[in-house]
Structure formats: structure tokens, C-alpha cells
Amino acid sequence: MNKKYNWYKLTDNEALLQWQSNNMCVVEANNKKITIAKHNNQLFAFAHKCPHASGVMADGFIDALGNVACPLHRYKFSLQNGRNVTGEGYFLKTYPIEQREDGVYIGFAEGGFFSFFQ
């Protein structure tokens, strides 16, 4: 079953985002804080806080392999899928992000578990 998304426009152009020197920034969409990262000219979107100890992910760093590291304990997660790559067993929530002609958009899955009962 393919997921359906509600798309929210973040900005007209990625250059307008408040990028930090580590190529990450924090945005708000759909009443949620989200971290946006840029690696190899590609954008990634994921949870604002680490699932382990709630470190602010935008204060971490991106390694050469394309993993984001939490600033508190250096747990690393794949930018592609949120999988923990350092073996602790956590999962970082990721979101689809698209660069379109008219701007940058982030997607949030429609419904949830209870939407199947409607």
C-alpha cells in the first residue's frame, strides 16, 4: 500500500532557509519542528530531536557517509531512512522532502492507525 502525503511548502527557495554552518536548519511545518539537512546537494528531513536522549539534531553533524550524528552521544542515523548505523537500535523519524519549481515541500503521511477504521 502506497502512503499518501499532505504536502506543506517550507520556502520558495532552499537558499532562504536559515542554514547553520553544519548544513542543517530547523523549520516548522504542520505544527512540528523538523530538521532539514543538505548533503551532496540533496535535502533530507527528519525529527527535530534524537530518539535516544532528545538532543537537538540540528546541533549535531553530518559525516562523510551521509549519516547525521546527535550532538549529545554521537549516535548516528542514516539521512536516507533514519536507521541507527552505530548499533544502539534507535530509529530517527524521516519525512519526504521535495524541491519543486515553486519551492521546497515536506510531506506528512495522511491519517494514522485509526484512519483505517473510518
PDB file of N, CA and C in Angstrom:
ATOM      1  N   MET A   1       0.841  -1.182   0.000  1.00  0.00           N
ATOM      2  CA  MET A   1       0.000   0.000   0.000  1.00  0.00           C
ATOM      3  C   MET A   1       0.884   1.242   0.000  1.00  0.00           C
ATOM      4  N   ASN A   2       0.677   2.132  -0.950  1.00  0.00           N
ATOM      5  CA  ASN A   2       1.441   3.368  -1.038  1.00  0.00           C
ATOM      6  C   ASN A   2       0.906   4.392  -0.052  1.00  0.00           C
ATOM      7  N   LYS A   3       1.825   5.057   0.615  1.00  0.00           N
ATOM      8  CA  LYS A   3       1.421   6.106   1.548  1.00  0.00           C
ATOM      9  C   LYS A   3       1.019   7.346   0.770  1.00  0.00           C
ATOM     10  N   LYS A   4       0.031   8.041   1.303  1.00  0.00           N
ATOM     11  CA  LYS A   4      -0.365   9.327   0.747  1.00  0.00           C
ATOM     12  C   LYS A   4       0.111  10.405   1.717  1.00  0.00           C
ATOM     13  N   TYR A   5       0.509  11.532   1.161  1.00  0.00           N
ATOM     14  CA  TYR A   5       1.078  12.595   1.974  1.00  0.00           C
ATOM     15  C   TYR A   5       0.315  13.900   1.809  1.00  0.00           C
ATOM     16  N   ASN A   6       0.266  14.653   2.882  1.00  0.00           N
ATOM     17  CA  ASN A   6      -0.142  16.041   2.837  1.00  0.00           C
ATOM     18  C   ASN A   6       1.157  16.835   2.738  1.00  0.00           C
ATOM     19  N   TRP A   7       1.265  17.684   1.716  1.00  0.00           N
ATOM     20  CA  TRP A   7       2.495  18.418   1.461  1.00  0.00           C
ATOM     21  C   TRP A   7       2.386  19.852   1.955  1.00  0.00           C
ATOM     22  N   TYR A   8       3.436  20.323   2.601  1.00  0.00           N
ATOM     23  CA  TYR A   8       3.487  21.681   3.148  1.00  0.00           C
ATOM     24  C   TYR A   8       4.691  22.403   2.554  1.00  0.00           C
ATOM     25  N   LYS A   9       4.453  23.600   2.076  1.00  0.00           N
ATOM     26  CA  LYS A   9       5.532  24.392   1.499  1.00  0.00           C
ATOM     27  C   LYS A   9       6.356  25.020   2.624  1.00  0.00           C
ATOM     28  N   LEU A  10       7.677  24.807   2.564  1.00  0.00           N
ATOM     29  CA  LEU A  10       8.578  25.366   3.569  1.00  0.00           C
ATOM     30  C   LEU A  10       9.102  26.729   3.156  1.00  0.00           C
ATOM     31  N   THR A  11       9.436  26.875   1.883  1.00  0.00           N
ATOM     32  CA  THR A  11      10.046  28.110   1.397  1.00  0.00           C
ATOM     33  C   THR A  11       9.995  28.133  -0.126  1.00  0.00           C
ATOM     34  N   ASP A  12      10.167  29.321  -0.689  1.00  0.00           N
ATOM     35  CA  ASP A  12      10.208  29.453  -2.147  1.00  0.00           C
ATOM     36  C   ASP A  12      11.510  28.902  -2.722  1.00  0.00           C
ATOM     37  N   ASN A  13      12.584  28.928  -1.916  1.00  0.00           N
ATOM     38  CA  ASN A  13      13.898  28.532  -2.397  1.00  0.00           C
ATOM     39  C   ASN A  13      14.717  28.040  -1.205  1.00  0.00           C
ATOM     40  N   GLU A  14      15.460  26.959  -1.365  1.00  0.00           N
ATOM     41  CA  GLU A  14      16.247  26.407  -0.259  1.00  0.00           C
ATOM     42  C   GLU A  14      17.260  27.404   0.285  1.00  0.00           C
ATOM     43  N   ALA A  15      17.728  28.330  -0.542  1.00  0.00           N
ATOM     44  CA  ALA A  15      18.703  29.330  -0.098  1.00  0.00           C
ATOM     45  C   ALA A  15      18.107  30.263   0.955  1.00  0.00           C
ATOM     46  N   LEU A  16      16.786  30.343   1.032  1.00  0.00           N
ATOM     47  CA  LEU A  16      16.127  31.212   2.004  1.00  0.00           C
ATOM     48  C   LEU A  16      16.021  30.574   3.394  1.00  0.00           C
ATOM     49  N   LEU A  17      16.344  29.295   3.506  1.00  0.00           N
ATOM     50  CA  LEU A  17      16.326  28.634   4.813  1.00  0.00           C
ATOM     51  C   LEU A  17      17.488  29.153   5.667  1.00  0.00           C
ATOM     52  N   GLN A  18      17.341  29.107   6.979  1.00  0.00           N
ATOM     53  CA  GLN A  18      18.345  29.618   7.917  1.00  0.00           C
ATOM     54  C   GLN A  18      19.406  28.559   8.180  1.00  0.00           C
ATOM     55  N   TRP A  19      20.260  28.315   7.191  1.00  0.00           N
ATOM     56  CA  TRP A  19      21.268  27.260   7.274  1.00  0.00           C
ATOM     57  C   TRP A  19      22.331  27.585   8.320  1.00  0.00           C
ATOM     58  N   GLN A  20      22.689  26.585   9.103  1.00  0.00           N
ATOM     59  CA  GLN A  20      23.798  26.683  10.039  1.00  0.00           C
ATOM     60  C   GLN A  20      25.063  26.251   9.301  1.00  0.00           C
ATOM     61  N   SER A  21      26.220  26.455   9.893  1.00  0.00           N
ATOM     62  CA  SER A  21      27.486  26.105   9.243  1.00  0.00           C
ATOM     63  C   SER A  21      27.631  24.592   9.014  1.00  0.00           C
ATOM     64  N   ASN A  22      26.831  23.774   9.714  1.00  0.00           N
ATOM     65  CA  ASN A  22      26.885  22.313   9.565  1.00  0.00           C
ATOM     66  C   ASN A  22      25.904  21.796   8.508  1.00  0.00           C
ATOM     67  N   ASN A  23      25.358  22.697   7.680  1.00  0.00           N
ATOM     68  CA  ASN A  23      24.408  22.350   6.611  1.00  0.00           C
ATOM     69  C   ASN A  23      23.098  21.781   7.131  1.00  0.00           C
ATOM     70  N   MET A  24      22.668  22.249   8.298  1.00  0.00           N
ATOM     71  CA  MET A  24      21.370  21.866   8.844  1.00  0.00           C
ATOM     72  C   MET A  24      20.631  23.115   9.305  1.00  0.00           C
ATOM     73  N   CYS A  25      19.314  22.992   9.379  1.00  0.00           N
ATOM     74  CA  CYS A  25      18.483  24.066   9.912  1.00  0.00           C
ATOM     75  C   CYS A  25      17.211  23.456  10.503  1.00  0.00           C
ATOM     76  N   VAL A  26      16.506  24.246  11.276  1.00  0.00           N
ATOM     77  CA  VAL A  26      15.246  23.821  11.884  1.00  0.00           C
ATOM     78  C   VAL A  26      14.130  24.632  11.256  1.00  0.00           C
ATOM     79  N   VAL A  27      13.068  23.933  10.858  1.00  0.00           N
ATOM     80  CA  VAL A  27      11.885  24.581  10.295  1.00  0.00           C
ATOM     81  C   VAL A  27      10.667  24.117  11.080  1.00  0.00           C
ATOM     82  N   GLU A  28       9.561  24.810  10.872  1.00  0.00           N
ATOM     83  CA  GLU A  28       8.308  24.360  11.472  1.00  0.00           C
ATOM     84  C   GLU A  28       7.299  24.160  10.358  1.00  0.00           C
ATOM     85  N   ALA A  29       6.654  23.007  10.371  1.00  0.00           N
ATOM     86  CA  ALA A  29       5.628  22.673   9.388  1.00  0.00           C
ATOM     87  C   ALA A  29       4.609  21.766  10.053  1.00  0.00           C
ATOM     88  N   ASN A  30       3.339  22.004   9.793  1.00  0.00           N
ATOM     89  CA  ASN A  30       2.273  21.185  10.360  1.00  0.00           C
ATOM     90  C   ASN A  30       2.391  21.120  11.888  1.00  0.00           C
ATOM     91  N   ASN A  31       2.749  22.252  12.494  1.00  0.00           N
ATOM     92  CA  ASN A  31       2.906  22.379  13.953  1.00  0.00           C
ATOM     93  C   ASN A  31       3.978  21.462  14.531  1.00  0.00           C
ATOM     94  N   LYS A  32       4.982  21.106  13.720  1.00  0.00           N
ATOM     95  CA  LYS A  32       6.079  20.264  14.177  1.00  0.00           C
ATOM     96  C   LYS A  32       7.401  20.926  13.816  1.00  0.00           C
ATOM     97  N   LYS A  33       8.366  20.825  14.728  1.00  0.00           N
ATOM     98  CA  LYS A  33       9.724  21.246  14.405  1.00  0.00           C
ATOM     99  C   LYS A  33      10.402  20.086  13.689  1.00  0.00           C
ATOM    100  N   ILE A  34      11.044  20.408  12.580  1.00  0.00           N
ATOM    101  CA  ILE A  34      11.702  19.413  11.739  1.00  0.00           C
ATOM    102  C   ILE A  34      13.113  19.905  11.436  1.00  0.00           C
ATOM    103  N   THR A  35      14.052  18.988  11.367  1.00  0.00           N
ATOM    104  CA  THR A  35      15.405  19.329  10.947  1.00  0.00           C
ATOM    105  C   THR A  35      15.539  19.061   9.450  1.00  0.00           C
ATOM    106  N   ILE A  36      16.125  20.014   8.744  1.00  0.00           N
ATOM    107  CA  ILE A  36      16.436  19.855   7.328  1.00  0.00           C
ATOM    108  C   ILE A  36      17.958  19.816   7.218  1.00  0.00           C
ATOM    109  N   ALA A  37      18.465  18.872   6.438  1.00  0.00           N
ATOM    110  CA  ALA A  37      19.904  18.761   6.218  1.00  0.00           C
ATOM    111  C   ALA A  37      20.176  18.755   4.725  1.00  0.00           C
ATOM    112  N   LYS A  38      21.341  19.279   4.366  1.00  0.00           N
ATOM    113  CA  LYS A  38      21.776  19.253   2.971  1.00  0.00           C
ATOM    114  C   LYS A  38      23.093  18.500   2.911  1.00  0.00           C
ATOM    115  N   HIS A  39      23.110  17.444   2.092  1.00  0.00           N
ATOM    116  CA  HIS A  39      24.309  16.623   1.932  1.00  0.00           C
ATOM    117  C   HIS A  39      24.420  16.230   0.467  1.00  0.00           C
ATOM    118  N   ASN A  40      25.566  16.486  -0.135  1.00  0.00           N
ATOM    119  CA  ASN A  40      25.778  16.200  -1.562  1.00  0.00           C
ATOM    120  C   ASN A  40      24.679  16.804  -2.433  1.00  0.00           C
ATOM    121  N   ASN A  41      24.327  18.051  -2.145  1.00  0.00           N
ATOM    122  CA  ASN A  41      23.307  18.809  -2.894  1.00  0.00           C
ATOM    123  C   ASN A  41      21.923  18.176  -2.878  1.00  0.00           C
ATOM    124  N   GLN A  42      21.652  17.364  -1.868  1.00  0.00           N
ATOM    125  CA  GLN A  42      20.336  16.754  -1.707  1.00  0.00           C
ATOM    126  C   GLN A  42      19.796  17.147  -0.333  1.00  0.00           C
ATOM    127  N   LEU A  43      18.478  17.377  -0.265  1.00  0.00           N
ATOM    128  CA  LEU A  43      17.846  17.733   1.000  1.00  0.00           C
ATOM    129  C   LEU A  43      17.259  16.502   1.681  1.00  0.00           C
ATOM    130  N   PHE A  44      17.314  16.502   3.014  1.00  0.00           N
ATOM    131  CA  PHE A  44      16.749  15.444   3.836  1.00  0.00           C
ATOM    132  C   PHE A  44      15.978  16.100   4.976  1.00  0.00           C
ATOM    133  N   ALA A  45      14.900  15.463   5.401  1.00  0.00           N
ATOM    134  CA  ALA A  45      14.100  15.982   6.510  1.00  0.00           C
ATOM    135  C   ALA A  45      13.921  14.878   7.541  1.00  0.00           C
ATOM    136  N   PHE A  46      14.064  15.252   8.822  1.00  0.00           N
ATOM    137  CA  PHE A  46      13.946  14.271   9.895  1.00  0.00           C
ATOM    138  C   PHE A  46      13.585  14.952  11.201  1.00  0.00           C
ATOM    139  N   ALA A  47      13.355  14.146  12.226  1.00  0.00           N
ATOM    140  CA  ALA A  47      12.896  14.635  13.531  1.00  0.00           C
ATOM    141  C   ALA A  47      13.835  15.699  14.096  1.00  0.00           C
ATOM    142  N   HIS A  48      13.252  16.620  14.836  1.00  0.00           N
ATOM    143  CA  HIS A  48      13.984  17.706  15.480  1.00  0.00           C
ATOM    144  C   HIS A  48      14.889  17.190  16.599  1.00  0.00           C
ATOM    145  N   LYS A  49      14.433  16.159  17.307  1.00  0.00           N
ATOM    146  CA  LYS A  49      15.190  15.647  18.454  1.00  0.00           C
ATOM    147  C   LYS A  49      15.556  14.177  18.278  1.00  0.00           C
ATOM    148  N   CYS A  50      16.679  13.818  18.858  1.00  0.00           N
ATOM    149  CA  CYS A  50      17.156  12.440  18.817  1.00  0.00           C
ATOM    150  C   CYS A  50      16.208  11.533  19.609  1.00  0.00           C
ATOM    151  N   PRO A  51      15.915  10.331  19.108  1.00  0.00           N
ATOM    152  CA  PRO A  51      15.023   9.420  19.832  1.00  0.00           C
ATOM    153  C   PRO A  51      15.645   8.846  21.101  1.00  0.00           C
ATOM    154  N   HIS A  52      16.941   8.986  21.299  1.00  0.00           N
ATOM    155  CA  HIS A  52      17.604   8.440  22.477  1.00  0.00           C
ATOM    156  C   HIS A  52      17.469   9.362  23.692  1.00  0.00           C
ATOM    157  N   ALA A  53      18.017  10.587  23.596  1.00  0.00           N
ATOM    158  CA  ALA A  53      18.029  11.477  24.763  1.00  0.00           C
ATOM    159  C   ALA A  53      17.591  12.894  24.414  1.00  0.00           C
ATOM    160  N   SER A  54      16.865  13.042  23.316  1.00  0.00           N
ATOM    161  CA  SER A  54      16.272  14.315  22.895  1.00  0.00           C
ATOM    162  C   SER A  54      17.273  15.413  22.569  1.00  0.00           C
ATOM    163  N   GLY A  55      18.464  15.036  22.124  1.00  0.00           N
ATOM    164  CA  GLY A  55      19.399  16.047  21.645  1.00  0.00           C
ATOM    165  C   GLY A  55      18.852  16.711  20.393  1.00  0.00           C
ATOM    166  N   VAL A  56      19.124  17.994  20.229  1.00  0.00           N
ATOM    167  CA  VAL A  56      18.653  18.726  19.053  1.00  0.00           C
ATOM    168  C   VAL A  56      19.528  18.314  17.867  1.00  0.00           C
ATOM    169  N   MET A  57      18.942  17.611  16.921  1.00  0.00           N
ATOM    170  CA  MET A  57      19.706  17.032  15.818  1.00  0.00           C
ATOM    171  C   MET A  57      20.422  18.093  14.983  1.00  0.00           C
ATOM    172  N   ALA A  58      19.843  19.268  14.835  1.00  0.00           N
ATOM    173  CA  ALA A  58      20.471  20.324  14.039  1.00  0.00           C
ATOM    174  C   ALA A  58      21.757  20.835  14.672  1.00  0.00           C
ATOM    175  N   ASP A  59      22.005  20.489  15.926  1.00  0.00           N
ATOM    176  CA  ASP A  59      23.250  20.883  16.592  1.00  0.00           C
ATOM    177  C   ASP A  59      24.338  19.829  16.438  1.00  0.00           C
ATOM    178  N   GLY A  60      24.032  18.746  15.738  1.00  0.00           N
ATOM    179  CA  GLY A  60      24.998  17.675  15.511  1.00  0.00           C
ATOM    180  C   GLY A  60      25.813  17.934  14.265  1.00  0.00           C
ATOM    181  N   PHE A  61      26.173  16.855  13.567  1.00  0.00           N
ATOM    182  CA  PHE A  61      26.950  16.998  12.340  1.00  0.00           C
ATOM    183  C   PHE A  61      26.589  15.884  11.379  1.00  0.00           C
ATOM    184  N   ILE A  62      26.957  16.084  10.102  1.00  0.00           N
ATOM    185  CA  ILE A  62      26.763  15.079   9.067  1.00  0.00           C
ATOM    186  C   ILE A  62      28.139  14.526   8.721  1.00  0.00           C
ATOM    187  N   ASP A  63      28.279  13.194   8.782  1.00  0.00           N
ATOM    188  CA  ASP A  63      29.573  12.601   8.457  1.00  0.00           C
ATOM    189  C   ASP A  63      29.722  12.414   6.943  1.00  0.00           C
ATOM    190  N   ALA A  64      30.887  11.986   6.513  1.00  0.00           N
ATOM    191  CA  ALA A  64      31.182  11.831   5.086  1.00  0.00           C
ATOM    192  C   ALA A  64      30.321  10.777   4.408  1.00  0.00           C
ATOM    193  N   LEU A  65      29.769   9.831   5.172  1.00  0.00           N
ATOM    194  CA  LEU A  65      28.947   8.760   4.614  1.00  0.00           C
ATOM    195  C   LEU A  65      27.471   9.140   4.495  1.00  0.00           C
ATOM    196  N   GLY A  66      27.109  10.342   4.936  1.00  0.00           N
ATOM    197  CA  GLY A  66      25.721  10.768   4.855  1.00  0.00           C
ATOM    198  C   GLY A  66      24.895  10.335   6.039  1.00  0.00           C
ATOM    199  N   ASN A  67      25.508  10.284   7.206  1.00  0.00           N
ATOM    200  CA  ASN A  67      24.794   9.988   8.447  1.00  0.00           C
ATOM    201  C   ASN A  67      24.792  11.238   9.307  1.00  0.00           C
ATOM    202  N   VAL A  68      23.687  11.456  10.010  1.00  0.00           N
ATOM    203  CA  VAL A  68      23.612  12.591  10.927  1.00  0.00           C
ATOM    204  C   VAL A  68      23.894  12.079  12.336  1.00  0.00           C
ATOM    205  N   ALA A  69      24.715  12.823  13.069  1.00  0.00           N
ATOM    206  CA  ALA A  69      25.103  12.427  14.429  1.00  0.00           C
ATOM    207  C   ALA A  69      24.476  13.359  15.445  1.00  0.00           C
ATOM    208  N   CYS A  70      23.904  12.775  16.479  1.00  0.00           N
ATOM    209  CA  CYS A  70      23.330  13.542  17.574  1.00  0.00           C
ATOM    210  C   CYS A  70      24.475  14.222  18.343  1.00  0.00           C
ATOM    211  N   PRO A  71      24.278  15.464  18.771  1.00  0.00           N
ATOM    212  CA  PRO A  71      25.348  16.162  19.481  1.00  0.00           C
ATOM    213  C   PRO A  71      25.597  15.650  20.898  1.00  0.00           C
ATOM    214  N   LEU A  72      24.652  14.935  21.488  1.00  0.00           N
ATOM    215  CA  LEU A  72      24.811  14.501  22.880  1.00  0.00           C
ATOM    216  C   LEU A  72      25.697  13.266  23.023  1.00  0.00           C
ATOM    217  N   HIS A  73      25.366  12.191  22.316  1.00  0.00           N
ATOM    218  CA  HIS A  73      26.086  10.931  22.487  1.00  0.00           C
ATOM    219  C   HIS A  73      26.679  10.396  21.192  1.00  0.00           C
ATOM    220  N   ARG A  74      26.572  11.184  20.129  1.00  0.00           N
ATOM    221  CA  ARG A  74      27.143  10.832  18.824  1.00  0.00           C
ATOM    222  C   ARG A  74      26.505   9.605  18.177  1.00  0.00           C
ATOM    223  N   TYR A  75      25.268   9.254  18.583  1.00  0.00           N
ATOM    224  CA  TYR A  75      24.562   8.196  17.872  1.00  0.00           C
ATOM    225  C   TYR A  75      24.329   8.690  16.457  1.00  0.00           C
ATOM    226  N   LYS A  76      24.532   7.821  15.474  1.00  0.00           N
ATOM    227  CA  LYS A  76      24.396   8.219  14.077  1.00  0.00           C
ATOM    228  C   LYS A  76      23.211   7.525  13.417  1.00  0.00           C
ATOM    229  N   PHE A  77      22.590   8.274  12.513  1.00  0.00           N
ATOM    230  CA  PHE A  77      21.414   7.802  11.793  1.00  0.00           C
ATOM    231  C   PHE A  77      21.576   8.109  10.303  1.00  0.00           C
ATOM    232  N   SER A  78      21.103   7.199   9.458  1.00  0.00           N
ATOM    233  CA  SER A  78      21.141   7.403   8.018  1.00  0.00           C
ATOM    234  C   SER A  78      20.208   8.549   7.627  1.00  0.00           C
ATOM    235  N   LEU A  79      20.698   9.469   6.810  1.00  0.00           N
ATOM    236  CA  LEU A  79      19.835  10.535   6.295  1.00  0.00           C
ATOM    237  C   LEU A  79      18.787   9.961   5.344  1.00  0.00           C
ATOM    238  N   GLN A  80      19.099   8.853   4.702  1.00  0.00           N
ATOM    239  CA  GLN A  80      18.199   8.237   3.727  1.00  0.00           C
ATOM    240  C   GLN A  80      16.936   7.653   4.365  1.00  0.00           C
ATOM    241  N   ASN A  81      17.109   6.933   5.490  1.00  0.00           N
ATOM    242  CA  ASN A  81      15.965   6.199   6.048  1.00  0.00           C
ATOM    243  C   ASN A  81      15.820   6.273   7.569  1.00  0.00           C
ATOM    244  N   GLY A  82      16.700   6.970   8.249  1.00  0.00           N
ATOM    245  CA  GLY A  82      16.592   7.132   9.697  1.00  0.00           C
ATOM    246  C   GLY A  82      17.105   5.967  10.525  1.00  0.00           C
ATOM    247  N   ARG A  83      17.637   4.950   9.875  1.00  0.00           N
ATOM    248  CA  ARG A  83      18.140   3.793  10.631  1.00  0.00           C
ATOM    249  C   ARG A  83      19.384   4.163  11.424  1.00  0.00           C
ATOM    250  N   ASN A  84      19.454   3.649  12.625  1.00  0.00           N
ATOM    251  CA  ASN A  84      20.608   3.855  13.500  1.00  0.00           C
ATOM    252  C   ASN A  84      21.768   3.026  12.955  1.00  0.00           C
ATOM    253  N   VAL A  85      22.882   3.677  12.613  1.00  0.00           N
ATOM    254  CA  VAL A  85      24.002   2.971  11.987  1.00  0.00           C
ATOM    255  C   VAL A  85      25.140   2.682  12.961  1.00  0.00           C
ATOM    256  N   THR A  86      25.002   3.099  14.213  1.00  0.00           N
ATOM    257  CA  THR A  86      26.048   2.842  15.205  1.00  0.00           C
ATOM    258  C   THR A  86      25.658   1.737  16.175  1.00  0.00           C
ATOM    259  N   GLY A  87      24.526   1.066  15.928  1.00  0.00           N
ATOM    260  CA  GLY A  87      24.191  -0.150  16.650  1.00  0.00           C
ATOM    261  C   GLY A  87      23.374  -0.039  17.917  1.00  0.00           C
ATOM    262  N   GLU A  88      22.902   1.151  18.258  1.00  0.00           N
ATOM    263  CA  GLU A  88      22.139   1.281  19.511  1.00  0.00           C
ATOM    264  C   GLU A  88      20.678   0.867  19.384  1.00  0.00           C
ATOM    265  N   GLY A  89      20.175   0.723  18.158  1.00  0.00           N
ATOM    266  CA  GLY A  89      18.824   0.206  17.952  1.00  0.00           C
ATOM    267  C   GLY A  89      17.718   1.244  17.882  1.00  0.00           C
ATOM    268  N   TYR A  90      18.048   2.512  17.805  1.00  0.00           N
ATOM    269  CA  TYR A  90      17.028   3.563  17.717  1.00  0.00           C
ATOM    270  C   TYR A  90      16.685   3.839  16.260  1.00  0.00           C
ATOM    271  N   PHE A  91      15.619   4.592  16.041  1.00  0.00           N
ATOM    272  CA  PHE A  91      15.183   4.955  14.699  1.00  0.00           C
ATOM    273  C   PHE A  91      14.815   6.428  14.704  1.00  0.00           C
ATOM    274  N   LEU A  92      15.376   7.189  13.778  1.00  0.00           N
ATOM    275  CA  LEU A  92      15.088   8.609  13.638  1.00  0.00           C
ATOM    276  C   LEU A  92      14.002   8.789  12.586  1.00  0.00           C
ATOM    277  N   LYS A  93      12.900   9.406  12.967  1.00  0.00           N
ATOM    278  CA  LYS A  93      11.788   9.632  12.046  1.00  0.00           C
ATOM    279  C   LYS A  93      12.249  10.515  10.892  1.00  0.00           C
ATOM    280  N   THR A  94      11.981  10.080   9.662  1.00  0.00           N
ATOM    281  CA  THR A  94      12.309  10.865   8.473  1.00  0.00           C
ATOM    282  C   THR A  94      11.025  11.259   7.745  1.00  0.00           C
ATOM    283  N   TYR A  95      11.131  12.279   6.924  1.00  0.00           N
ATOM    284  CA  TYR A  95       9.996  12.795   6.163  1.00  0.00           C
ATOM    285  C   TYR A  95      10.422  12.993   4.716  1.00  0.00           C
ATOM    286  N   PRO A  96       9.500  12.763   3.771  1.00  0.00           N
ATOM    287  CA  PRO A  96       9.837  13.052   2.379  1.00  0.00           C
ATOM    288  C   PRO A  96       9.951  14.565   2.179  1.00  0.00           C
ATOM    289  N   ILE A  97      10.906  14.972   1.362  1.00  0.00           N
ATOM    290  CA  ILE A  97      11.097  16.388   1.058  1.00  0.00           C
ATOM    291  C   ILE A  97      11.338  16.493  -0.438  1.00  0.00           C
ATOM    292  N   GLU A  98      10.742  17.513  -1.051  1.00  0.00           N
ATOM    293  CA  GLU A  98      10.863  17.684  -2.499  1.00  0.00           C
ATOM    294  C   GLU A  98      11.190  19.129  -2.834  1.00  0.00           C
ATOM    295  N   GLN A  99      12.091  19.280  -3.801  1.00  0.00           N
ATOM    296  CA  GLN A  99      12.348  20.589  -4.374  1.00  0.00           C
ATOM    297  C   GLN A  99      11.544  20.664  -5.661  1.00  0.00           C
ATOM    298  N   ARG A 100      10.586  21.581  -5.690  1.00  0.00           N
ATOM    299  CA  ARG A 100       9.744  21.758  -6.874  1.00  0.00           C
ATOM    300  C   ARG A 100      10.063  23.116  -7.505  1.00  0.00           C
ATOM    301  N   GLU A 101       9.480  23.358  -8.655  1.00  0.00           N
ATOM    302  CA  GLU A 101       9.724  24.630  -9.348  1.00  0.00           C
ATOM    303  C   GLU A 101       9.356  25.825  -8.486  1.00  0.00           C
ATOM    304  N   ASP A 102       8.303  25.689  -7.684  1.00  0.00           N
ATOM    305  CA  ASP A 102       7.837  26.835  -6.893  1.00  0.00           C
ATOM    306  C   ASP A 102       8.291  26.796  -5.434  1.00  0.00           C
ATOM    307  N   GLY A 103       9.167  25.853  -5.058  1.00  0.00           N
ATOM    308  CA  GLY A 103       9.658  25.857  -3.688  1.00  0.00           C
ATOM    309  C   GLY A 103      10.015  24.491  -3.146  1.00  0.00           C
ATOM    310  N   VAL A 104      10.262  24.470  -1.840  1.00  0.00           N
ATOM    311  CA  VAL A 104      10.641  23.252  -1.125  1.00  0.00           C
ATOM    312  C   VAL A 104       9.442  22.799  -0.291  1.00  0.00           C
ATOM    313  N   TYR A 105       9.085  21.524  -0.409  1.00  0.00           N
ATOM    314  CA  TYR A 105       7.920  20.964   0.275  1.00  0.00           C
ATOM    315  C   TYR A 105       8.320  19.767   1.134  1.00  0.00           C
ATOM    316  N   ILE A 106       7.595  19.610   2.248  1.00  0.00           N
ATOM    317  CA  ILE A 106       7.780  18.449   3.119  1.00  0.00           C
ATOM    318  C   ILE A 106       6.448  17.713   3.209  1.00  0.00           C
ATOM    319  N   GLY A 107       6.516  16.382   3.258  1.00  0.00           N
ATOM    320  CA  GLY A 107       5.298  15.576   3.302  1.00  0.00           C
ATOM    321  C   GLY A 107       5.085  14.914   4.654  1.00  0.00           C
ATOM    322  N   PHE A 108       3.834  14.909   5.089  1.00  0.00           N
ATOM    323  CA  PHE A 108       3.429  14.200   6.300  1.00  0.00           C
ATOM    324  C   PHE A 108       2.379  13.171   5.898  1.00  0.00           C
ATOM    325  N   ALA A 109       2.549  11.946   6.361  1.00  0.00           N
ATOM    326  CA  ALA A 109       1.628  10.872   5.993  1.00  0.00           C
ATOM    327  C   ALA A 109       0.208  11.225   6.401  1.00  0.00           C
ATOM    328  N   GLU A 110      -0.731  10.939   5.505  1.00  0.00           N
ATOM    329  CA  GLU A 110      -2.145  11.168   5.794  1.00  0.00           C
ATOM    330  C   GLU A 110      -2.633  10.164   6.823  1.00  0.00           C
ATOM    331  N   GLY A 111      -3.547  10.616   7.662  1.00  0.00           N
ATOM    332  CA  GLY A 111      -4.184   9.724   8.633  1.00  0.00           C
ATOM    333  C   GLY A 111      -3.212   9.109   9.606  1.00  0.00           C
ATOM    334  N   GLY A 112      -3.546   7.939  10.062  1.00  0.00           N
ATOM    335  CA  GLY A 112      -2.745   7.212  11.021  1.00  0.00           C
ATOM    336  C   GLY A 112      -3.389   5.870  11.231  1.00  0.00           C
ATOM    337  N   PHE A 113      -3.081   5.214  12.310  1.00  0.00           N
ATOM    338  CA  PHE A 113      -3.610   3.888  12.589  1.00  0.00           C
ATOM    339  C   PHE A 113      -5.135   3.873  12.595  1.00  0.00           C
ATOM    340  N   PHE A 114      -5.758   4.858  13.243  1.00  0.00           N
ATOM    341  CA  PHE A 114      -7.214   4.849  13.388  1.00  0.00           C
ATOM    342  C   PHE A 114      -7.931   5.238  12.093  1.00  0.00           C
ATOM    343  N   SER A 115      -7.220   5.782  11.105  1.00  0.00           N
ATOM    344  CA  SER A 115      -7.870   6.151   9.867  1.00  0.00           C
ATOM    345  C   SER A 115      -8.376   4.925   9.104  1.00  0.00           C
ATOM    346  N   PHE A 116      -7.847   3.739   9.424  1.00  0.00           N
ATOM    347  CA  PHE A 116      -8.310   2.520   8.762  1.00  0.00           C
ATOM    348  C   PHE A 116      -9.720   2.149   9.182  1.00  0.00           C
ATOM    349  N   PHE A 117     -10.169   2.651  10.314  1.00  0.00           N
ATOM    350  CA  PHE A 117     -11.498   2.287  10.841  1.00  0.00           C
ATOM    351  C   PHE A 117     -12.597   3.256  10.407  1.00  0.00           C
ATOM    352  N   GLN A 118     -12.255   4.245   9.602  1.00  0.00           N
ATOM    353  CA  GLN A 118     -13.264   5.227   9.206  1.00  0.00           C
ATOM    354  C   GLN A 118     -13.952   4.800   7.931  1.00  0.00           C
TER     355      GLN A 118
END
